[in-house]
mmCIF file of all heavy atoms, coordinates in Angstrom:
data_MODEL
# 
_entry.id   MODEL 
# 
loop_
_atom_site.group_PDB 
_atom_site.id 
_atom_site.type_symbol 
_atom_site.label_atom_id 
_atom_site.label_alt_id 
_atom_site.label_comp_id 
_atom_site.label_asym_id 
_atom_site.label_entity_id 
_atom_site.label_seq_id 
_atom_site.pdbx_PDB_ins_code 
_atom_site.Cartn_x 
_atom_site.Cartn_y 
_atom_site.Cartn_z 
_atom_site.occupancy 
_atom_site.B_iso_or_equiv 
_atom_site.pdbx_formal_charge 
_atom_site.auth_seq_id 
_atom_site.auth_comp_id 
_atom_site.auth_asym_id 
_atom_site.auth_atom_id 
_atom_site.pdbx_PDB_model_num 
ATOM 1   N N   . PHE A 1 1  ? 83.871 46.303 159.885 1.00 0.00 ? 1  PHE A N   1 
ATOM 2   C CA  . PHE A 1 1  ? 83.212 45.585 158.775 1.00 0.00 ? 1  PHE A CA  1 
ATOM 3   C C   . PHE A 1 1  ? 83.747 46.080 157.437 1.00 0.00 ? 1  PHE A C   1 
ATOM 4   O O   . PHE A 1 1  ? 84.132 47.247 157.314 1.00 0.00 ? 1  PHE A O   1 
ATOM 5   C CB  . PHE A 1 1  ? 81.681 45.838 158.828 1.00 0.00 ? 1  PHE A CB  1 
ATOM 6   C CG  . PHE A 1 1  ? 80.944 45.216 159.973 1.00 0.00 ? 1  PHE A CG  1 
ATOM 7   C CD1 . PHE A 1 1  ? 81.632 44.643 161.056 1.00 0.00 ? 1  PHE A CD1 1 
ATOM 8   C CD2 . PHE A 1 1  ? 79.557 45.222 159.994 1.00 0.00 ? 1  PHE A CD2 1 
ATOM 9   C CE1 . PHE A 1 1  ? 80.958 44.097 162.121 1.00 0.00 ? 1  PHE A CE1 1 
ATOM 10  C CE2 . PHE A 1 1  ? 78.866 44.652 161.046 1.00 0.00 ? 1  PHE A CE2 1 
ATOM 11  C CZ  . PHE A 1 1  ? 79.560 44.089 162.111 1.00 0.00 ? 1  PHE A CZ  1 
ATOM 12  N N   . ALA A 1 2  ? 83.702 45.213 156.460 1.00 0.00 ? 2  ALA A N   1 
ATOM 13  C CA  . ALA A 1 2  ? 84.135 45.578 155.100 1.00 0.00 ? 2  ALA A CA  1 
ATOM 14  C C   . ALA A 1 2  ? 83.230 44.928 154.035 1.00 0.00 ? 2  ALA A C   1 
ATOM 15  O O   . ALA A 1 2  ? 82.991 43.728 154.084 1.00 0.00 ? 2  ALA A O   1 
ATOM 16  C CB  . ALA A 1 2  ? 85.567 45.148 154.878 1.00 0.00 ? 2  ALA A CB  1 
ATOM 17  N N   . ILE A 1 3  ? 82.762 45.765 153.132 1.00 0.00 ? 3  ILE A N   1 
ATOM 18  C CA  . ILE A 1 3  ? 81.915 45.262 152.049 1.00 0.00 ? 3  ILE A CA  1 
ATOM 19  C C   . ILE A 1 3  ? 82.790 45.002 150.821 1.00 0.00 ? 3  ILE A C   1 
ATOM 20  O O   . ILE A 1 3  ? 83.803 45.733 150.593 1.00 0.00 ? 3  ILE A O   1 
ATOM 21  C CB  . ILE A 1 3  ? 80.798 46.283 151.721 1.00 0.00 ? 3  ILE A CB  1 
ATOM 22  C CG1 . ILE A 1 3  ? 79.766 45.661 150.769 1.00 0.00 ? 3  ILE A CG1 1 
ATOM 23  C CG2 . ILE A 1 3  ? 81.382 47.565 151.106 1.00 0.00 ? 3  ILE A CG2 1 
ATOM 24  C CD1 . ILE A 1 3  ? 78.520 46.502 150.618 1.00 0.00 ? 3  ILE A CD1 1 
ATOM 25  N N   . SER A 1 4  ? 82.476 43.968 150.049 1.00 0.00 ? 4  SER A N   1 
ATOM 26  C CA  . SER A 1 4  ? 83.194 43.696 148.830 1.00 0.00 ? 4  SER A CA  1 
ATOM 27  C C   . SER A 1 4  ? 82.242 42.974 147.892 1.00 0.00 ? 4  SER A C   1 
ATOM 28  O O   . SER A 1 4  ? 81.129 42.581 148.293 1.00 0.00 ? 4  SER A O   1 
ATOM 29  C CB  . SER A 1 4  ? 84.425 42.851 149.104 1.00 0.00 ? 4  SER A CB  1 
ATOM 30  O OG  . SER A 1 4  ? 84.081 41.562 149.654 1.00 0.00 ? 4  SER A OG  1 
ATOM 31  N N   . ARG A 1 5  ? 82.655 42.824 146.656 1.00 0.00 ? 5  ARG A N   1 
ATOM 32  C CA  . ARG A 1 5  ? 81.796 42.145 145.704 1.00 0.00 ? 5  ARG A CA  1 
ATOM 33  C C   . ARG A 1 5  ? 82.642 41.381 144.708 1.00 0.00 ? 5  ARG A C   1 
ATOM 34  O O   . ARG A 1 5  ? 83.783 41.735 144.421 1.00 0.00 ? 5  ARG A O   1 
ATOM 35  C CB  . ARG A 1 5  ? 80.914 43.174 144.968 1.00 0.00 ? 5  ARG A CB  1 
ATOM 36  C CG  . ARG A 1 5  ? 81.703 44.305 144.326 1.00 0.00 ? 5  ARG A CG  1 
ATOM 37  C CD  . ARG A 1 5  ? 80.803 45.475 143.927 1.00 0.00 ? 5  ARG A CD  1 
ATOM 38  N NE  . ARG A 1 5  ? 81.580 46.530 143.323 1.00 0.00 ? 5  ARG A NE  1 
ATOM 39  C CZ  . ARG A 1 5  ? 81.085 47.698 142.949 1.00 0.00 ? 5  ARG A CZ  1 
ATOM 40  N NH1 . ARG A 1 5  ? 79.803 47.962 143.173 1.00 0.00 ? 5  ARG A NH1 1 
ATOM 41  N NH2 . ARG A 1 5  ? 81.845 48.621 142.422 1.00 0.00 ? 5  ARG A NH2 1 
ATOM 42  N N   . ASP A 1 6  ? 82.074 40.309 144.211 1.00 0.00 ? 6  ASP A N   1 
ATOM 43  C CA  . ASP A 1 6  ? 82.672 39.479 143.168 1.00 0.00 ? 6  ASP A CA  1 
ATOM 44  C C   . ASP A 1 6  ? 81.807 39.559 141.960 1.00 0.00 ? 6  ASP A C   1 
ATOM 45  O O   . ASP A 1 6  ? 80.714 38.963 141.920 1.00 0.00 ? 6  ASP A O   1 
ATOM 46  C CB  . ASP A 1 6  ? 82.853 38.038 143.661 1.00 0.00 ? 6  ASP A CB  1 
ATOM 47  C CG  . ASP A 1 6  ? 83.615 37.172 142.685 1.00 0.00 ? 6  ASP A CG  1 
ATOM 48  O OD1 . ASP A 1 6  ? 83.449 37.364 141.451 1.00 0.00 ? 6  ASP A OD1 1 
ATOM 49  O OD2 . ASP A 1 6  ? 84.340 36.264 143.134 1.00 0.00 ? 6  ASP A OD2 1 
ATOM 50  N N   . ASN A 1 7  ? 82.233 40.314 140.972 1.00 0.00 ? 7  ASN A N   1 
ATOM 51  C CA  . ASN A 1 7  ? 81.395 40.577 139.783 1.00 0.00 ? 7  ASN A CA  1 
ATOM 52  C C   . ASN A 1 7  ? 81.110 39.291 139.035 1.00 0.00 ? 7  ASN A C   1 
ATOM 53  O O   . ASN A 1 7  ? 80.019 39.043 138.550 1.00 0.00 ? 7  ASN A O   1 
ATOM 54  C CB  . ASN A 1 7  ? 82.093 41.571 138.882 1.00 0.00 ? 7  ASN A CB  1 
ATOM 55  C CG  . ASN A 1 7  ? 82.505 42.806 139.627 1.00 0.00 ? 7  ASN A CG  1 
ATOM 56  O OD1 . ASN A 1 7  ? 81.858 43.210 140.583 1.00 0.00 ? 7  ASN A OD1 1 
ATOM 57  N ND2 . ASN A 1 7  ? 83.606 43.430 139.183 1.00 0.00 ? 7  ASN A ND2 1 
ATOM 58  N N   . ALA A 1 8  ? 82.119 38.417 138.927 1.00 0.00 ? 8  ALA A N   1 
ATOM 59  C CA  . ALA A 1 8  ? 81.959 37.190 138.171 1.00 0.00 ? 8  ALA A CA  1 
ATOM 60  C C   . ALA A 1 8  ? 80.938 36.249 138.773 1.00 0.00 ? 8  ALA A C   1 
ATOM 61  O O   . ALA A 1 8  ? 80.247 35.515 138.091 1.00 0.00 ? 8  ALA A O   1 
ATOM 62  C CB  . ALA A 1 8  ? 83.289 36.493 138.008 1.00 0.00 ? 8  ALA A CB  1 
ATOM 63  N N   . LYS A 1 9  ? 80.826 36.310 140.124 1.00 0.00 ? 9  LYS A N   1 
ATOM 64  C CA  . LYS A 1 9  ? 79.920 35.437 140.838 1.00 0.00 ? 9  LYS A CA  1 
ATOM 65  C C   . LYS A 1 9  ? 78.606 36.136 141.178 1.00 0.00 ? 9  LYS A C   1 
ATOM 66  O O   . LYS A 1 9  ? 77.706 35.511 141.810 1.00 0.00 ? 9  LYS A O   1 
ATOM 67  C CB  . LYS A 1 9  ? 80.555 34.942 142.121 1.00 0.00 ? 9  LYS A CB  1 
ATOM 68  C CG  . LYS A 1 9  ? 81.775 34.024 141.884 1.00 0.00 ? 9  LYS A CG  1 
ATOM 69  C CD  . LYS A 1 9  ? 82.341 33.526 143.200 1.00 0.00 ? 9  LYS A CD  1 
ATOM 70  C CE  . LYS A 1 9  ? 83.527 32.604 142.990 1.00 0.00 ? 9  LYS A CE  1 
ATOM 71  N NZ  . LYS A 1 9  ? 84.081 32.104 144.262 1.00 0.00 ? 9  LYS A NZ  1 
ATOM 72  N N   . ASN A 1 10 ? 78.489 37.425 140.806 1.00 0.00 ? 10 ASN A N   1 
ATOM 73  C CA  . ASN A 1 10 ? 77.279 38.182 141.128 1.00 0.00 ? 10 ASN A CA  1 
ATOM 74  C C   . ASN A 1 10 ? 76.954 38.060 142.645 1.00 0.00 ? 10 ASN A C   1 
ATOM 75  O O   . ASN A 1 10 ? 75.822 37.792 143.054 1.00 0.00 ? 10 ASN A O   1 
ATOM 76  C CB  . ASN A 1 10 ? 76.087 37.714 140.333 1.00 0.00 ? 10 ASN A CB  1 
ATOM 77  C CG  . ASN A 1 10 ? 76.201 38.086 138.872 1.00 0.00 ? 10 ASN A CG  1 
ATOM 78  O OD1 . ASN A 1 10 ? 76.847 39.080 138.538 1.00 0.00 ? 10 ASN A OD1 1 
ATOM 79  N ND2 . ASN A 1 10 ? 75.603 37.307 138.011 1.00 0.00 ? 10 ASN A ND2 1 
ATOM 80  N N   . THR A 1 11 ? 78.008 38.263 143.442 1.00 0.00 ? 11 THR A N   1 
ATOM 81  C CA  . THR A 1 11 ? 77.873 38.063 144.882 1.00 0.00 ? 11 THR A CA  1 
ATOM 82  C C   . THR A 1 11 ? 78.443 39.268 145.620 1.00 0.00 ? 11 THR A C   1 
ATOM 83  O O   . THR A 1 11 ? 79.502 39.785 145.292 1.00 0.00 ? 11 THR A O   1 
ATOM 84  C CB  . THR A 1 11 ? 78.569 36.793 145.324 1.00 0.00 ? 11 THR A CB  1 
ATOM 85  O OG1 . THR A 1 11 ? 78.010 35.671 144.632 1.00 0.00 ? 11 THR A OG1 1 
ATOM 86  C CG2 . THR A 1 11 ? 78.400 36.570 146.821 1.00 0.00 ? 11 THR A CG2 1 
ATOM 87  N N   . LEU A 1 12 ? 77.693 39.672 146.644 1.00 0.00 ? 12 LEU A N   1 
ATOM 88  C CA  . LEU A 1 12 ? 78.103 40.755 147.554 1.00 0.00 ? 12 LEU A CA  1 
ATOM 89  C C   . LEU A 1 12 ? 78.515 40.107 148.886 1.00 0.00 ? 12 LEU A C   1 
ATOM 90  O O   . LEU A 1 12 ? 77.876 39.133 149.313 1.00 0.00 ? 12 LEU A O   1 
ATOM 91  C CB  . LEU A 1 12 ? 76.956 41.721 147.768 1.00 0.00 ? 12 LEU A CB  1 
ATOM 92  C CG  . LEU A 1 12 ? 77.223 42.975 148.571 1.00 0.00 ? 12 LEU A CG  1 
ATOM 93  C CD1 . LEU A 1 12 ? 78.051 43.959 147.709 1.00 0.00 ? 12 LEU A CD1 1 
ATOM 94  C CD2 . LEU A 1 12 ? 75.904 43.625 148.970 1.00 0.00 ? 12 LEU A CD2 1 
ATOM 95  N N   . TYR A 1 13 ? 79.555 40.654 149.515 1.00 0.00 ? 13 TYR A N   1 
ATOM 96  C CA  . TYR A 1 13 ? 80.041 40.058 150.750 1.00 0.00 ? 13 TYR A CA  1 
ATOM 97  C C   . TYR A 1 13 ? 80.062 41.141 151.825 1.00 0.00 ? 13 TYR A C   1 
ATOM 98  O O   . TYR A 1 13 ? 80.129 42.334 151.608 1.00 0.00 ? 13 TYR A O   1 
ATOM 99  C CB  . TYR A 1 13 ? 81.461 39.526 150.584 1.00 0.00 ? 13 TYR A CB  1 
ATOM 100 C CG  . TYR A 1 13 ? 81.581 38.454 149.548 1.00 0.00 ? 13 TYR A CG  1 
ATOM 101 C CD1 . TYR A 1 13 ? 82.064 38.726 148.295 1.00 0.00 ? 13 TYR A CD1 1 
ATOM 102 C CD2 . TYR A 1 13 ? 81.240 37.125 149.869 1.00 0.00 ? 13 TYR A CD2 1 
ATOM 103 C CE1 . TYR A 1 13 ? 82.181 37.737 147.330 1.00 0.00 ? 13 TYR A CE1 1 
ATOM 104 C CE2 . TYR A 1 13 ? 81.338 36.121 148.907 1.00 0.00 ? 13 TYR A CE2 1 
ATOM 105 C CZ  . TYR A 1 13 ? 81.843 36.446 147.648 1.00 0.00 ? 13 TYR A CZ  1 
ATOM 106 O OH  . TYR A 1 13 ? 81.945 35.442 146.721 1.00 0.00 ? 13 TYR A OH  1 
ATOM 107 N N   . LEU A 1 14 ? 80.004 40.668 153.076 1.00 0.00 ? 14 LEU A N   1 
ATOM 108 C CA  . LEU A 1 14 ? 80.216 41.528 154.248 1.00 0.00 ? 14 LEU A CA  1 
ATOM 109 C C   . LEU A 1 14 ? 81.142 40.784 155.180 1.00 0.00 ? 14 LEU A C   1 
ATOM 110 O O   . LEU A 1 14 ? 80.732 39.780 155.793 1.00 0.00 ? 14 LEU A O   1 
ATOM 111 C CB  . LEU A 1 14 ? 78.919 41.861 154.907 1.00 0.00 ? 14 LEU A CB  1 
ATOM 112 C CG  . LEU A 1 14 ? 79.073 42.802 156.151 1.00 0.00 ? 14 LEU A CG  1 
ATOM 113 C CD1 . LEU A 1 14 ? 79.577 44.166 155.708 1.00 0.00 ? 14 LEU A CD1 1 
ATOM 114 C CD2 . LEU A 1 14 ? 77.717 42.950 156.893 1.00 0.00 ? 14 LEU A CD2 1 
ATOM 115 N N   . GLN A 1 15 ? 82.357 41.268 155.292 1.00 0.00 ? 15 GLN A N   1 
ATOM 116 C CA  . GLN A 1 15 ? 83.321 40.707 156.276 1.00 0.00 ? 15 GLN A CA  1 
ATOM 117 C C   . GLN A 1 15 ? 83.139 41.453 157.577 1.00 0.00 ? 15 GLN A C   1 
ATOM 118 O O   . GLN A 1 15 ? 83.256 42.671 157.627 1.00 0.00 ? 15 GLN A O   1 
ATOM 119 C CB  . GLN A 1 15 ? 84.743 40.849 155.754 1.00 0.00 ? 15 GLN A CB  1 
ATOM 120 C CG  . GLN A 1 15 ? 85.792 40.355 156.729 1.00 0.00 ? 15 GLN A CG  1 
ATOM 121 C CD  . GLN A 1 15 ? 85.735 38.850 156.948 1.00 0.00 ? 15 GLN A CD  1 
ATOM 122 O OE1 . GLN A 1 15 ? 85.581 38.085 155.992 1.00 0.00 ? 15 GLN A OE1 1 
ATOM 123 N NE2 . GLN A 1 15 ? 85.871 38.410 158.192 1.00 0.00 ? 15 GLN A NE2 1 
ATOM 124 N N   . MET A 1 16 ? 82.836 40.707 158.627 1.00 0.00 ? 16 MET A N   1 
ATOM 125 C CA  . MET A 1 16 ? 82.595 41.308 159.927 1.00 0.00 ? 16 MET A CA  1 
ATOM 126 C C   . MET A 1 16 ? 83.654 40.820 160.935 1.00 0.00 ? 16 MET A C   1 
ATOM 127 O O   . MET A 1 16 ? 83.746 39.629 161.174 1.00 0.00 ? 16 MET A O   1 
ATOM 128 C CB  . MET A 1 16 ? 81.194 40.933 160.434 1.00 0.00 ? 16 MET A CB  1 
ATOM 129 C CG  . MET A 1 16 ? 80.092 41.314 159.452 1.00 0.00 ? 16 MET A CG  1 
ATOM 130 S SD  . MET A 1 16 ? 78.444 40.933 160.099 1.00 0.00 ? 16 MET A SD  1 
ATOM 131 C CE  . MET A 1 16 ? 78.506 39.146 160.113 1.00 0.00 ? 16 MET A CE  1 
ATOM 132 N N   . ASN A 1 17 ? 84.415 41.732 161.445 1.00 0.00 ? 17 ASN A N   1 
ATOM 133 C CA  . ASN A 1 17 ? 85.466 41.445 162.407 1.00 0.00 ? 17 ASN A CA  1 
ATOM 134 C C   . ASN A 1 17 ? 85.187 42.092 163.735 1.00 0.00 ? 17 ASN A C   1 
ATOM 135 O O   . ASN A 1 17 ? 84.368 43.047 163.801 1.00 0.00 ? 17 ASN A O   1 
ATOM 136 C CB  . ASN A 1 17 ? 86.825 41.895 161.893 1.00 0.00 ? 17 ASN A CB  1 
ATOM 137 C CG  . ASN A 1 17 ? 87.209 41.244 160.590 1.00 0.00 ? 17 ASN A CG  1 
ATOM 138 O OD1 . ASN A 1 17 ? 86.909 40.032 160.360 1.00 0.00 ? 17 ASN A OD1 1 
ATOM 139 N ND2 . ASN A 1 17 ? 87.839 41.961 159.718 1.00 0.00 ? 17 ASN A ND2 1 
ATOM 140 N N   . SER A 1 18 ? 85.838 41.655 164.796 1.00 0.00 ? 18 SER A N   1 
ATOM 141 C CA  . SER A 1 18 ? 85.701 42.245 166.120 1.00 0.00 ? 18 SER A CA  1 
ATOM 142 C C   . SER A 1 18 ? 84.218 42.394 166.503 1.00 0.00 ? 18 SER A C   1 
ATOM 143 O O   . SER A 1 18 ? 83.812 43.445 166.950 1.00 0.00 ? 18 SER A O   1 
ATOM 144 C CB  . SER A 1 18 ? 86.402 43.603 166.165 1.00 0.00 ? 18 SER A CB  1 
ATOM 145 O OG  . SER A 1 18 ? 87.763 43.500 165.831 1.00 0.00 ? 18 SER A OG  1 
ATOM 146 N N   . LEU A 1 19 ? 83.501 41.329 166.307 1.00 0.00 ? 19 LEU A N   1 
ATOM 147 C CA  . LEU A 1 19 ? 82.064 41.380 166.545 1.00 0.00 ? 19 LEU A CA  1 
ATOM 148 C C   . LEU A 1 19 ? 81.734 41.628 168.021 1.00 0.00 ? 19 LEU A C   1 
ATOM 149 O O   . LEU A 1 19 ? 82.405 41.126 168.905 1.00 0.00 ? 19 LEU A O   1 
ATOM 150 C CB  . LEU A 1 19 ? 81.386 40.131 166.038 1.00 0.00 ? 19 LEU A CB  1 
ATOM 151 C CG  . LEU A 1 19 ? 81.242 40.052 164.529 1.00 0.00 ? 19 LEU A CG  1 
ATOM 152 C CD1 . LEU A 1 19 ? 81.023 38.648 164.040 1.00 0.00 ? 19 LEU A CD1 1 
ATOM 153 C CD2 . LEU A 1 19 ? 80.045 40.945 164.067 1.00 0.00 ? 19 LEU A CD2 1 
ATOM 154 N N   . LYS A 1 20 ? 80.655 42.374 168.212 1.00 0.00 ? 20 LYS A N   1 
ATOM 155 C CA  . LYS A 1 20 ? 80.196 42.749 169.534 1.00 0.00 ? 20 LYS A CA  1 
ATOM 156 C C   . LYS A 1 20 ? 78.764 42.205 169.746 1.00 0.00 ? 20 LYS A C   1 
ATOM 157 O O   . LYS A 1 20 ? 78.045 42.036 168.787 1.00 0.00 ? 20 LYS A O   1 
ATOM 158 C CB  . LYS A 1 20 ? 80.211 44.257 169.723 1.00 0.00 ? 20 LYS A CB  1 
ATOM 159 C CG  . LYS A 1 20 ? 81.512 44.943 169.441 1.00 0.00 ? 20 LYS A CG  1 
ATOM 160 C CD  . LYS A 1 20 ? 81.380 46.432 169.492 1.00 0.00 ? 20 LYS A CD  1 
ATOM 161 C CE  . LYS A 1 20 ? 82.693 47.157 169.193 1.00 0.00 ? 20 LYS A CE  1 
ATOM 162 N NZ  . LYS A 1 20 ? 82.580 48.615 169.228 1.00 0.00 ? 20 LYS A NZ  1 
ATOM 163 N N   . PRO A 1 21 ? 78.353 42.024 170.994 1.00 0.00 ? 21 PRO A N   1 
ATOM 164 C CA  . PRO A 1 21 ? 76.973 41.601 171.233 1.00 0.00 ? 21 PRO A CA  1 
ATOM 165 C C   . PRO A 1 21 ? 75.927 42.508 170.580 1.00 0.00 ? 21 PRO A C   1 
ATOM 166 O O   . PRO A 1 21 ? 74.914 42.024 170.131 1.00 0.00 ? 21 PRO A O   1 
ATOM 167 C CB  . PRO A 1 21 ? 76.874 41.597 172.763 1.00 0.00 ? 21 PRO A CB  1 
ATOM 168 C CG  . PRO A 1 21 ? 78.270 41.321 173.214 1.00 0.00 ? 21 PRO A CG  1 
ATOM 169 C CD  . PRO A 1 21 ? 79.176 42.046 172.233 1.00 0.00 ? 21 PRO A CD  1 
ATOM 170 N N   . GLU A 1 22 ? 76.253 43.804 170.538 1.00 0.00 ? 22 GLU A N   1 
ATOM 171 C CA  . GLU A 1 22 ? 75.296 44.725 169.941 1.00 0.00 ? 22 GLU A CA  1 
ATOM 172 C C   . GLU A 1 22 ? 75.181 44.607 168.408 1.00 0.00 ? 22 GLU A C   1 
ATOM 173 O O   . GLU A 1 22 ? 74.371 45.269 167.788 1.00 0.00 ? 22 GLU A O   1 
ATOM 174 C CB  . GLU A 1 22 ? 75.619 46.178 170.322 1.00 0.00 ? 22 GLU A CB  1 
ATOM 175 C CG  . GLU A 1 22 ? 77.068 46.586 170.068 1.00 0.00 ? 22 GLU A CG  1 
ATOM 176 C CD  . GLU A 1 22 ? 77.926 46.465 171.353 1.00 0.00 ? 22 GLU A CD  1 
ATOM 177 O OE1 . GLU A 1 22 ? 77.762 45.445 172.056 1.00 0.00 ? 22 GLU A OE1 1 
ATOM 178 O OE2 . GLU A 1 22 ? 78.731 47.351 171.591 1.00 0.00 ? 22 GLU A OE2 1 
ATOM 179 N N   . ASP A 1 23 ? 76.042 43.735 167.807 1.00 0.00 ? 23 ASP A N   1 
ATOM 180 C CA  . ASP A 1 23 ? 75.914 43.467 166.400 1.00 0.00 ? 23 ASP A CA  1 
ATOM 181 C C   . ASP A 1 23 ? 74.868 42.388 166.117 1.00 0.00 ? 23 ASP A C   1 
ATOM 182 O O   . ASP A 1 23 ? 74.548 42.098 164.961 1.00 0.00 ? 23 ASP A O   1 
ATOM 183 C CB  . ASP A 1 23 ? 77.258 43.034 165.816 1.00 0.00 ? 23 ASP A CB  1 
ATOM 184 C CG  . ASP A 1 23 ? 78.298 44.103 165.833 1.00 0.00 ? 23 ASP A CG  1 
ATOM 185 O OD1 . ASP A 1 23 ? 77.977 45.288 165.523 1.00 0.00 ? 23 ASP A OD1 1 
ATOM 186 O OD2 . ASP A 1 23 ? 79.469 43.784 166.198 1.00 0.00 ? 23 ASP A OD2 1 
ATOM 187 N N   . THR A 1 24 ? 74.346 41.782 167.182 1.00 0.00 ? 24 THR A N   1 
ATOM 188 C CA  . THR A 1 24 ? 73.330 40.761 167.008 1.00 0.00 ? 24 THR A CA  1 
ATOM 189 C C   . THR A 1 24 ? 72.104 41.331 166.335 1.00 0.00 ? 24 THR A C   1 
ATOM 190 O O   . THR A 1 24 ? 71.516 42.320 166.761 1.00 0.00 ? 24 THR A O   1 
ATOM 191 C CB  . THR A 1 24 ? 72.922 40.202 168.396 1.00 0.00 ? 24 THR A CB  1 
ATOM 192 O OG1 . THR A 1 24 ? 74.064 39.503 168.974 1.00 0.00 ? 24 THR A OG1 1 
ATOM 193 C CG2 . THR A 1 24 ? 71.761 39.223 168.261 1.00 0.00 ? 24 THR A CG2 1 
ATOM 194 N N   . ALA A 1 25 ? 71.703 40.652 165.227 1.00 0.00 ? 25 ALA A N   1 
ATOM 195 C CA  . ALA A 1 25 ? 70.561 41.162 164.438 1.00 0.00 ? 25 ALA A CA  1 
ATOM 196 C C   . ALA A 1 25 ? 70.334 40.215 163.276 1.00 0.00 ? 25 ALA A C   1 
ATOM 197 O O   . ALA A 1 25 ? 71.163 39.307 163.007 1.00 0.00 ? 25 ALA A O   1 
ATOM 198 C CB  . ALA A 1 25 ? 70.829 42.571 163.898 1.00 0.00 ? 25 ALA A CB  1 
ATOM 199 N N   . VAL A 1 26 ? 69.255 40.403 162.553 1.00 0.00 ? 26 VAL A N   1 
ATOM 200 C CA  . VAL A 1 26 ? 69.080 39.790 161.271 1.00 0.00 ? 26 VAL A CA  1 
ATOM 201 C C   . VAL A 1 26 ? 69.669 40.743 160.232 1.00 0.00 ? 26 VAL A C   1 
ATOM 202 O O   . VAL A 1 26 ? 69.350 41.932 160.207 1.00 0.00 ? 26 VAL A O   1 
ATOM 203 C CB  . VAL A 1 26 ? 67.574 39.524 160.979 1.00 0.00 ? 26 VAL A CB  1 
ATOM 204 C CG1 . VAL A 1 26 ? 67.431 38.916 159.567 1.00 0.00 ? 26 VAL A CG1 1 
ATOM 205 C CG2 . VAL A 1 26 ? 66.976 38.615 162.019 1.00 0.00 ? 26 VAL A CG2 1 
# 
């Protein structure tokens, strides 16, 4: 996983790769 942010858009991101069943959640 990788967190990033766009200051101009006031937005936070979470890029999730190689997802596993145990990543299932809210």
